[in-house]
N, C-alpha and C. Protein backbone atom coordinates (compact mmCIF):
# COMPACT_ATOMS: atom_id res chain seq x y z
N MET A 1 0.82 -1.20 0.00
CA MET A 1 0.00 0.00 0.00
C MET A 1 0.86 1.26 0.00
N ILE A 2 1.99 1.20 0.68
CA ILE A 2 2.86 2.38 0.73
C ILE A 2 3.37 2.71 -0.66
N LEU A 3 3.79 1.70 -1.38
CA LEU A 3 4.26 1.92 -2.75
C LEU A 3 3.15 2.49 -3.62
N LYS A 4 1.97 1.98 -3.47
CA LYS A 4 0.83 2.45 -4.26
C LYS A 4 0.50 3.92 -3.93
N ILE A 5 0.50 4.26 -2.64
CA ILE A 5 0.22 5.64 -2.25
C ILE A 5 1.27 6.57 -2.81
N CYS A 6 2.54 6.21 -2.67
CA CYS A 6 3.62 7.08 -3.15
C CYS A 6 3.62 7.21 -4.67
N THR A 7 3.34 6.12 -5.36
CA THR A 7 3.31 6.16 -6.83
C THR A 7 2.17 7.04 -7.34
N ARG A 8 1.00 6.86 -6.78
CA ARG A 8 -0.15 7.66 -7.22
C ARG A 8 0.04 9.14 -6.85
N PHE A 9 0.62 9.39 -5.69
CA PHE A 9 0.83 10.77 -5.27
C PHE A 9 1.86 11.45 -6.16
N SER A 10 2.81 10.69 -6.70
CA SER A 10 3.81 11.29 -7.60
C SER A 10 3.20 11.72 -8.93
N MET A 11 1.98 11.24 -9.22
CA MET A 11 1.29 11.64 -10.46
C MET A 11 0.45 12.89 -10.27
N HIS A 12 0.47 13.44 -9.07
CA HIS A 12 -0.24 14.69 -8.81
C HIS A 12 0.32 15.76 -9.75
N PRO A 13 -0.52 16.66 -10.26
CA PRO A 13 -0.03 17.68 -11.20
C PRO A 13 1.15 18.50 -10.69
N ARG A 14 1.28 18.64 -9.40
CA ARG A 14 2.38 19.41 -8.84
C ARG A 14 3.73 18.72 -9.09
N PHE A 15 3.74 17.39 -9.18
CA PHE A 15 4.98 16.64 -9.33
C PHE A 15 5.08 15.92 -10.67
N ASN A 16 4.09 16.05 -11.51
CA ASN A 16 4.01 15.26 -12.72
C ASN A 16 5.08 15.61 -13.76
N GLY A 17 5.54 16.85 -13.81
CA GLY A 17 6.44 17.27 -14.87
C GLY A 17 7.90 16.95 -14.64
N TYR A 18 8.26 16.40 -13.52
CA TYR A 18 9.66 16.14 -13.21
C TYR A 18 10.11 14.81 -13.81
N SER A 19 11.35 14.80 -14.29
CA SER A 19 11.87 13.59 -14.94
C SER A 19 12.36 12.57 -13.92
N TYR A 20 12.50 12.96 -12.67
CA TYR A 20 13.01 12.06 -11.65
C TYR A 20 11.90 11.62 -10.70
N ARG A 21 10.74 11.31 -11.24
CA ARG A 21 9.62 10.85 -10.43
C ARG A 21 9.90 9.49 -9.78
N ASP A 22 10.67 8.66 -10.46
CA ASP A 22 11.02 7.36 -9.88
C ASP A 22 11.83 7.53 -8.60
N GLU A 23 12.72 8.53 -8.59
CA GLU A 23 13.49 8.80 -7.39
C GLU A 23 12.58 9.33 -6.27
N PHE A 24 11.55 10.11 -6.66
CA PHE A 24 10.56 10.57 -5.68
C PHE A 24 9.97 9.37 -4.94
N VAL A 25 9.49 8.43 -5.73
CA VAL A 25 8.79 7.27 -5.17
C VAL A 25 9.75 6.43 -4.32
N ALA A 26 10.95 6.20 -4.83
CA ALA A 26 11.91 5.39 -4.08
C ALA A 26 12.27 6.04 -2.75
N ASP A 27 12.52 7.35 -2.77
CA ASP A 27 12.85 8.05 -1.52
C ASP A 27 11.68 8.03 -0.55
N ALA A 28 10.47 8.24 -1.06
CA ALA A 28 9.29 8.27 -0.19
C ALA A 28 9.02 6.90 0.43
N VAL A 29 9.13 5.85 -0.34
CA VAL A 29 8.91 4.51 0.20
C VAL A 29 9.96 4.20 1.26
N LEU A 30 11.20 4.54 0.98
CA LEU A 30 12.26 4.30 1.95
C LEU A 30 12.01 5.06 3.24
N ARG A 31 11.63 6.33 3.12
CA ARG A 31 11.38 7.14 4.32
C ARG A 31 10.19 6.59 5.10
N CYS A 32 9.15 6.18 4.39
CA CYS A 32 7.97 5.64 5.08
C CYS A 32 8.30 4.34 5.79
N LEU A 33 9.08 3.48 5.16
CA LEU A 33 9.42 2.20 5.78
C LEU A 33 10.37 2.35 6.95
N THR A 34 11.27 3.32 6.87
CA THR A 34 12.26 3.45 7.93
C THR A 34 11.80 4.33 9.09
N HIS A 35 11.04 5.39 8.79
CA HIS A 35 10.69 6.34 9.84
C HIS A 35 9.20 6.38 10.15
N ALA A 36 8.38 6.45 9.15
CA ALA A 36 6.95 6.72 9.36
C ALA A 36 6.23 5.57 10.04
N LEU A 37 6.55 4.34 9.69
CA LEU A 37 5.83 3.21 10.28
C LEU A 37 6.05 3.09 11.78
N ASP A 38 7.19 3.54 12.24
CA ASP A 38 7.45 3.50 13.68
C ASP A 38 6.62 4.53 14.44
N LYS A 39 6.26 5.61 13.78
CA LYS A 39 5.56 6.71 14.44
C LYS A 39 4.04 6.60 14.38
N ILE A 40 3.51 5.70 13.58
CA ILE A 40 2.07 5.54 13.46
C ILE A 40 1.57 4.69 14.63
N ASP A 41 0.64 5.25 15.39
CA ASP A 41 0.06 4.55 16.54
C ASP A 41 -1.37 4.14 16.18
N LEU A 42 -1.55 2.89 15.83
CA LEU A 42 -2.86 2.41 15.38
C LEU A 42 -3.88 2.33 16.51
N THR A 43 -3.44 2.38 17.75
CA THR A 43 -4.38 2.33 18.86
C THR A 43 -5.01 3.69 19.15
N HIS A 44 -4.43 4.75 18.59
CA HIS A 44 -4.96 6.10 18.80
C HIS A 44 -6.27 6.23 18.03
N PRO A 45 -7.31 6.85 18.63
CA PRO A 45 -8.62 6.91 17.96
C PRO A 45 -8.63 7.76 16.69
N ASN A 46 -7.78 8.75 16.59
CA ASN A 46 -7.75 9.61 15.40
C ASN A 46 -6.62 9.24 14.45
N CYS A 47 -6.16 8.03 14.50
CA CYS A 47 -5.05 7.58 13.66
C CYS A 47 -5.50 7.48 12.20
N ASN A 48 -4.73 8.10 11.31
CA ASN A 48 -5.00 8.02 9.89
C ASN A 48 -3.67 7.77 9.17
N PRO A 49 -3.27 6.51 9.02
CA PRO A 49 -1.96 6.22 8.43
C PRO A 49 -1.85 6.65 6.97
N PHE A 50 -2.94 6.69 6.24
CA PHE A 50 -2.89 7.10 4.84
C PHE A 50 -2.48 8.56 4.71
N SER A 51 -3.06 9.41 5.54
CA SER A 51 -2.69 10.83 5.48
C SER A 51 -1.26 11.03 5.96
N TYR A 52 -0.83 10.26 6.93
CA TYR A 52 0.53 10.38 7.43
C TYR A 52 1.53 9.98 6.35
N ILE A 53 1.25 8.90 5.65
CA ILE A 53 2.14 8.45 4.58
C ILE A 53 2.13 9.45 3.42
N THR A 54 0.96 9.99 3.11
CA THR A 54 0.86 10.98 2.04
C THR A 54 1.65 12.24 2.40
N GLN A 55 1.53 12.71 3.63
CA GLN A 55 2.26 13.90 4.05
C GLN A 55 3.76 13.64 4.08
N THR A 56 4.16 12.47 4.50
CA THR A 56 5.58 12.12 4.47
C THR A 56 6.09 12.10 3.04
N SER A 57 5.30 11.55 2.13
CA SER A 57 5.69 11.52 0.71
C SER A 57 5.83 12.93 0.16
N TYR A 58 4.89 13.78 0.50
CA TYR A 58 4.93 15.16 0.03
C TYR A 58 6.22 15.85 0.50
N ASN A 59 6.56 15.68 1.76
CA ASN A 59 7.78 16.30 2.28
C ASN A 59 9.03 15.74 1.62
N VAL A 60 9.04 14.45 1.36
CA VAL A 60 10.19 13.84 0.69
C VAL A 60 10.30 14.33 -0.75
N PHE A 61 9.17 14.47 -1.43
CA PHE A 61 9.19 14.97 -2.81
C PHE A 61 9.75 16.39 -2.85
N ARG A 62 9.29 17.24 -1.94
CA ARG A 62 9.78 18.62 -1.91
C ARG A 62 11.27 18.66 -1.63
N GLN A 63 11.74 17.83 -0.72
CA GLN A 63 13.16 17.79 -0.41
C GLN A 63 13.97 17.32 -1.61
N ARG A 64 13.45 16.34 -2.35
CA ARG A 64 14.15 15.84 -3.54
C ARG A 64 14.23 16.94 -4.60
N ILE A 65 13.15 17.69 -4.79
CA ILE A 65 13.15 18.78 -5.76
C ILE A 65 14.19 19.83 -5.36
N LYS A 66 14.23 20.15 -4.09
CA LYS A 66 15.20 21.13 -3.59
C LYS A 66 16.63 20.65 -3.84
N ASN A 67 16.90 19.39 -3.55
CA ASN A 67 18.24 18.84 -3.76
C ASN A 67 18.60 18.78 -5.24
N GLU A 68 17.65 18.41 -6.08
CA GLU A 68 17.91 18.34 -7.52
C GLU A 68 18.18 19.73 -8.10
N LYS A 69 17.45 20.74 -7.63
CA LYS A 69 17.70 22.10 -8.11
C LYS A 69 19.08 22.58 -7.70
N LYS A 70 19.48 22.25 -6.48
CA LYS A 70 20.81 22.64 -6.02
C LYS A 70 21.88 21.92 -6.85
N PHE A 71 21.65 20.66 -7.16
CA PHE A 71 22.59 19.89 -7.96
C PHE A 71 22.67 20.46 -9.38
N MET A 72 21.51 20.81 -9.96
CA MET A 72 21.50 21.38 -11.31
C MET A 72 22.21 22.72 -11.35
N LYS A 73 22.03 23.52 -10.30
CA LYS A 73 22.70 24.82 -10.23
C LYS A 73 24.21 24.63 -10.15
N ALA A 74 24.66 23.65 -9.38
CA ALA A 74 26.09 23.37 -9.27
C ALA A 74 26.66 22.90 -10.61
N LYS A 75 25.91 22.05 -11.31
CA LYS A 75 26.36 21.59 -12.63
C LYS A 75 26.45 22.75 -13.62
N GLN A 76 25.46 23.65 -13.59
CA GLN A 76 25.47 24.80 -14.49
C GLN A 76 26.64 25.72 -14.18
N HIS A 77 26.91 25.93 -12.91
CA HIS A 77 28.04 26.76 -12.51
C HIS A 77 29.35 26.15 -12.99
N LEU A 78 29.50 24.84 -12.87
CA LEU A 78 30.71 24.16 -13.32
C LEU A 78 30.85 24.26 -14.84
N ARG A 79 29.75 24.10 -15.56
CA ARG A 79 29.80 24.24 -17.03
C ARG A 79 30.26 25.63 -17.43
N GLU A 80 29.69 26.65 -16.78
CA GLU A 80 30.07 28.03 -17.10
C GLU A 80 31.53 28.28 -16.79
N GLN A 81 32.01 27.74 -15.68
CA GLN A 81 33.41 27.92 -15.29
C GLN A 81 34.33 27.25 -16.31
N ILE A 82 34.01 26.05 -16.73
CA ILE A 82 34.84 25.35 -17.71
C ILE A 82 34.80 26.07 -19.05
N TYR A 83 33.63 26.59 -19.44
CA TYR A 83 33.51 27.31 -20.70
C TYR A 83 34.33 28.60 -20.66
N ASP A 84 34.28 29.30 -19.54
CA ASP A 84 35.07 30.53 -19.40
C ASP A 84 36.57 30.22 -19.47
N GLU A 85 37.00 29.15 -18.84
CA GLU A 85 38.41 28.76 -18.91
C GLU A 85 38.80 28.41 -20.34
N PHE A 86 37.91 27.74 -21.05
CA PHE A 86 38.19 27.40 -22.44
C PHE A 86 38.29 28.66 -23.30
N GLU A 87 37.36 29.60 -23.09
CA GLU A 87 37.41 30.85 -23.84
C GLU A 87 38.71 31.60 -23.59
N ASN A 88 39.13 31.66 -22.34
CA ASN A 88 40.36 32.38 -22.02
C ASN A 88 41.58 31.69 -22.58
N SER A 89 41.62 30.37 -22.57
CA SER A 89 42.79 29.66 -23.07
C SER A 89 42.87 29.71 -24.60
N GLU A 90 41.74 29.76 -25.27
CA GLU A 90 41.73 29.79 -26.73
C GLU A 90 41.71 31.21 -27.28
N GLY A 91 41.48 32.18 -26.44
CA GLY A 91 41.49 33.57 -26.89
C GLY A 91 40.28 33.94 -27.74
N ILE A 92 39.14 33.37 -27.47
CA ILE A 92 37.94 33.65 -28.28
C ILE A 92 36.92 34.45 -27.47
N LYS A 93 37.39 35.29 -26.58
CA LYS A 93 36.49 36.03 -25.70
C LYS A 93 35.62 37.03 -26.48
N ASN A 94 36.22 37.84 -27.34
CA ASN A 94 35.46 38.88 -28.05
C ASN A 94 35.37 38.56 -29.53
N THR A 95 34.49 37.72 -29.89
CA THR A 95 34.26 37.41 -31.30
C THR A 95 32.98 38.06 -31.76
N LYS A 96 32.67 37.92 -33.01
CA LYS A 96 31.45 38.51 -33.57
C LYS A 96 30.21 37.85 -32.95
N ASP A 97 30.29 36.55 -32.68
CA ASP A 97 29.16 35.84 -32.09
C ASP A 97 29.03 36.11 -30.59
N ASN A 98 30.11 36.55 -29.98
CA ASN A 98 30.11 36.79 -28.54
C ASN A 98 30.53 38.24 -28.27
N PRO A 99 29.63 39.19 -28.47
CA PRO A 99 30.00 40.61 -28.34
C PRO A 99 30.05 41.08 -26.88
N GLU A 100 30.40 40.22 -25.97
CA GLU A 100 30.54 40.56 -24.57
C GLU A 100 31.73 41.49 -24.37
N ASP A 101 31.65 42.41 -23.45
CA ASP A 101 32.75 43.31 -23.10
C ASP A 101 33.27 44.09 -24.31
N GLU A 102 32.42 44.48 -25.21
CA GLU A 102 32.83 45.18 -26.43
C GLU A 102 32.56 46.67 -26.28
N ASP A 103 33.38 47.36 -25.50
CA ASP A 103 33.19 48.80 -25.30
C ASP A 103 34.23 49.62 -25.96
């Protein structure tokens, strides 16, 4: 049931456009199995394990998006740094296609 809840929740329009939805589901299932199941008290009269698992999945999805954005930003920064080093070593800083710093 945990896998089913996490999989269906990953199809929510808020998370549907991401290419790493499989990682969403894997992280959410892992978190639910390791942490959430220990905290659910079935003897409590207002216990709702489905909402608890859904909320845990939501938090894991948001954390994964945050981590992926940080990773993408780091990759972009590294690409720009390598490209700048290449431009400086080849001497192609001010070309017709790259009118940067042309004052």
